[in-house]
């Protein structure tokens, strides 16, 4: 083969290899989404409490913060902070359970603002850029997260189910 033809083949092989590597390292998991599940409603010290479970995606850790919506604000997107729950972090493939006192509304739903942990190659690049901007090595230790989106539970009524009552003696 002629030298120019060898260079073209080599350039083509390198381009295909870079494309495959980019696909492997920077791919998204479209079916890998977090879930918010209502487990049960309880009566604790005369107060109604709803127990939720937040399941992180299988391939990424997720940070979440909970908020409550009532039916009059569902279309407007207005939310109020949920009492009794602080923002949290859940590792990839793990779950966490938390309790929220039922709000005064008859029907409501829980909304969680979720942000994924960025994939390693993207995160390292972003951290290096932050080090350059801040003139510090501190950002190398930080976790970097994607922009947030919302996960919502199904509507919840404040009526306690019969199974949540105290057992008969």
Protein backbone atom coordinates (compact mmCIF):
# COMPACT_ATOMS: atom_id res chain seq x y z
CA UNK A 1 0.00 0.00 0.00
CA UNK A 2 1.02 3.55 -0.52
CA UNK A 3 1.93 5.65 2.55
CA UNK A 4 -1.03 8.01 2.08
CA UNK A 5 -3.45 5.10 1.95
CA UNK A 6 -1.93 3.61 5.15
CA UNK A 7 -2.39 6.92 6.95
CA UNK A 8 -6.04 7.10 5.89
CA UNK A 9 -6.71 3.59 7.15
CA UNK A 10 -4.92 4.33 10.39
CA UNK A 11 -6.87 7.58 10.80
CA UNK A 12 -10.13 5.71 10.09
CA UNK A 13 -9.33 3.00 12.65
CA UNK A 14 -8.44 5.62 15.29
CA UNK A 15 -11.67 7.56 14.57
CA UNK A 16 -13.82 4.42 14.90
CA UNK A 17 -11.98 3.44 18.11
CA UNK A 18 -12.53 6.92 19.57
CA UNK A 19 -16.24 6.76 18.65
CA UNK A 20 -16.67 3.37 20.33
CA UNK A 21 -14.74 4.52 23.42
CA UNK A 22 -16.87 7.67 23.62
CA UNK A 23 -20.04 5.60 23.38
CA UNK A 24 -18.87 3.26 26.16
CA UNK A 25 -17.70 5.99 28.56
CA UNK A 26 -20.35 8.65 27.97
CA UNK A 27 -23.47 6.57 27.40
CA UNK A 28 -26.71 7.23 29.20
CA UNK A 29 -29.01 4.64 30.73
CA UNK A 30 -32.47 5.75 29.56
CA UNK A 31 -34.36 2.95 31.34
CA UNK A 32 -32.31 3.37 34.50
CA UNK A 33 -34.43 5.91 36.37
CA UNK A 34 -34.95 6.51 40.10
CA UNK A 35 -38.23 5.49 41.70
CA UNK A 36 -40.29 6.92 44.51
CA UNK A 37 -42.56 4.32 46.13
CA UNK A 38 -45.22 4.78 48.80
CA UNK A 39 -44.82 1.89 51.25
CA UNK A 40 -47.47 2.51 53.89
CA UNK A 41 -49.27 5.01 56.11
CA UNK A 42 -48.91 4.82 59.88
CA UNK A 43 -50.30 6.53 62.94
CA UNK A 44 -47.45 7.58 65.25
CA UNK A 45 -48.31 9.43 68.48
CA UNK A 46 -51.64 10.54 67.04
CA UNK A 47 -50.06 11.92 63.87
CA UNK A 48 -50.39 10.41 60.39
CA UNK A 49 -47.05 9.53 58.85
CA UNK A 50 -46.40 8.27 55.31
CA UNK A 51 -43.43 5.98 54.66
CA UNK A 52 -41.64 6.28 51.30
CA UNK A 53 -38.78 4.45 49.62
CA UNK A 54 -36.41 6.16 47.18
CA UNK A 55 -34.62 3.73 44.83
CA UNK A 56 -31.50 5.02 43.10
CA UNK A 57 -30.71 3.88 39.55
CA UNK A 58 -28.57 0.75 39.14
CA UNK A 59 -25.63 2.52 37.50
CA UNK A 60 -25.46 5.93 39.23
CA UNK A 61 -25.75 7.47 42.63
CA UNK A 62 -28.44 10.11 43.12
CA UNK A 63 -29.00 13.08 45.37
CA UNK A 64 -32.60 13.93 46.26
CA UNK A 65 -34.63 16.55 48.12
CA UNK A 66 -38.32 16.07 48.92
CA UNK A 67 -41.19 18.53 48.51
CA UNK A 68 -44.98 18.32 48.75
CA UNK A 69 -47.56 19.37 46.16
CA UNK A 70 -51.31 19.76 46.61
CA UNK A 71 -53.79 19.33 43.74
CA UNK A 72 -54.34 23.07 43.27
CA UNK A 73 -50.64 23.59 42.44
CA UNK A 74 -49.95 20.46 40.34
CA UNK A 75 -50.20 22.28 37.02
CA UNK A 76 -48.35 25.35 38.30
CA UNK A 77 -45.38 23.36 39.62
CA UNK A 78 -45.46 25.08 43.05
CA UNK A 79 -44.11 22.99 45.92
CA UNK A 80 -43.47 23.39 49.62
CA UNK A 81 -40.62 21.72 51.53
CA UNK A 82 -41.45 18.40 53.17
CA UNK A 83 -41.14 18.43 56.95
CA UNK A 84 -38.98 15.84 58.63
CA UNK A 85 -36.69 14.97 55.70
CA UNK A 86 -33.32 16.45 54.85
CA UNK A 87 -31.80 16.15 51.37
CA UNK A 88 -29.96 12.87 50.99
CA UNK A 89 -27.59 10.87 48.80
CA UNK A 90 -28.23 7.26 47.76
CA UNK A 91 -25.51 5.07 46.22
CA UNK A 92 -26.06 3.36 42.87
CA UNK A 93 -28.48 0.43 43.14
CA UNK A 94 -29.35 1.19 46.79
CA UNK A 95 -32.57 2.34 48.45
CA UNK A 96 -33.44 4.51 51.40
CA UNK A 97 -36.63 4.65 53.42
CA UNK A 98 -37.95 7.83 55.02
CA UNK A 99 -41.05 9.07 56.83
CA UNK A 100 -42.96 12.29 56.23
CA UNK A 101 -45.75 13.66 58.41
CA UNK A 102 -48.90 13.84 56.28
CA UNK A 103 -49.68 17.45 55.33
CA UNK A 104 -53.05 19.09 56.01
CA UNK A 105 -54.28 18.51 52.44
CA UNK A 106 -56.79 15.71 51.76
CA UNK A 107 -54.97 14.71 48.56
CA UNK A 108 -51.29 15.40 47.92
CA UNK A 109 -48.19 13.89 46.37
CA UNK A 110 -44.50 13.86 47.11
CA UNK A 111 -42.05 15.26 44.56
CA UNK A 112 -38.34 14.60 44.77
CA UNK A 113 -35.80 16.79 43.01
CA UNK A 114 -33.17 14.32 41.79
CA UNK A 115 -29.67 14.93 40.45
CA UNK A 116 -27.49 12.10 39.11
CA UNK A 117 -23.84 11.74 39.88
CA UNK A 118 -21.94 12.41 36.64
CA UNK A 119 -20.00 9.58 34.93
CA UNK A 120 -16.30 9.41 35.86
CA UNK A 121 -14.73 10.80 32.64
CA UNK A 122 -17.12 13.76 32.54
CA UNK A 123 -16.76 14.39 36.28
CA UNK A 124 -12.94 14.36 36.15
CA UNK A 125 -12.92 16.82 33.28
CA UNK A 126 -15.32 19.13 35.10
CA UNK A 127 -13.31 18.91 38.34
CA UNK A 128 -10.08 19.81 36.54
CA UNK A 129 -11.80 22.82 34.96
CA UNK A 130 -13.05 23.89 38.40
CA UNK A 131 -9.51 23.56 39.80
CA UNK A 132 -8.27 25.87 37.06
CA UNK A 133 -11.01 28.45 37.68
CA UNK A 134 -10.64 28.44 41.46
CA UNK A 135 -6.84 28.09 41.48
CA UNK A 136 -7.22 25.31 44.04
CA UNK A 137 -7.04 21.52 44.20
CA UNK A 138 -10.14 21.29 46.45
CA UNK A 139 -12.59 20.56 43.56
CA UNK A 140 -10.79 17.26 42.87
CA UNK A 141 -12.48 15.82 45.99
CA UNK A 142 -15.98 17.06 45.14
CA UNK A 143 -18.81 15.03 43.64
CA UNK A 144 -20.33 16.52 40.51
CA UNK A 145 -24.01 16.13 39.70
CA UNK A 146 -26.18 16.66 36.64
CA UNK A 147 -28.95 19.23 36.54
CA UNK A 148 -31.98 18.25 38.58
CA UNK A 149 -35.28 16.81 37.45
CA UNK A 150 -38.38 15.71 39.37
CA UNK A 151 -39.76 12.30 40.28
CA UNK A 152 -43.31 12.23 41.66
CA UNK A 153 -45.30 9.72 43.67
CA UNK A 154 -48.88 8.85 42.86
CA UNK A 155 -51.52 10.99 44.60
CA UNK A 156 -51.92 10.16 48.30
CA UNK A 157 -55.04 10.59 50.41
CA UNK A 158 -54.80 11.21 54.14
CA UNK A 159 -57.28 8.46 54.97
CA UNK A 160 -55.51 5.68 56.84
CA UNK A 161 -56.09 2.20 55.42
CA UNK A 162 -57.56 -0.48 57.70
CA UNK A 163 -54.27 -2.44 57.69
CA UNK A 164 -52.40 0.46 59.31
CA UNK A 165 -54.59 0.45 62.44
CA UNK A 166 -53.30 -1.09 65.64
CA UNK A 167 -53.87 -4.84 65.88
CA UNK A 168 -56.80 -6.05 67.99
CA UNK A 169 -55.90 -7.43 71.42
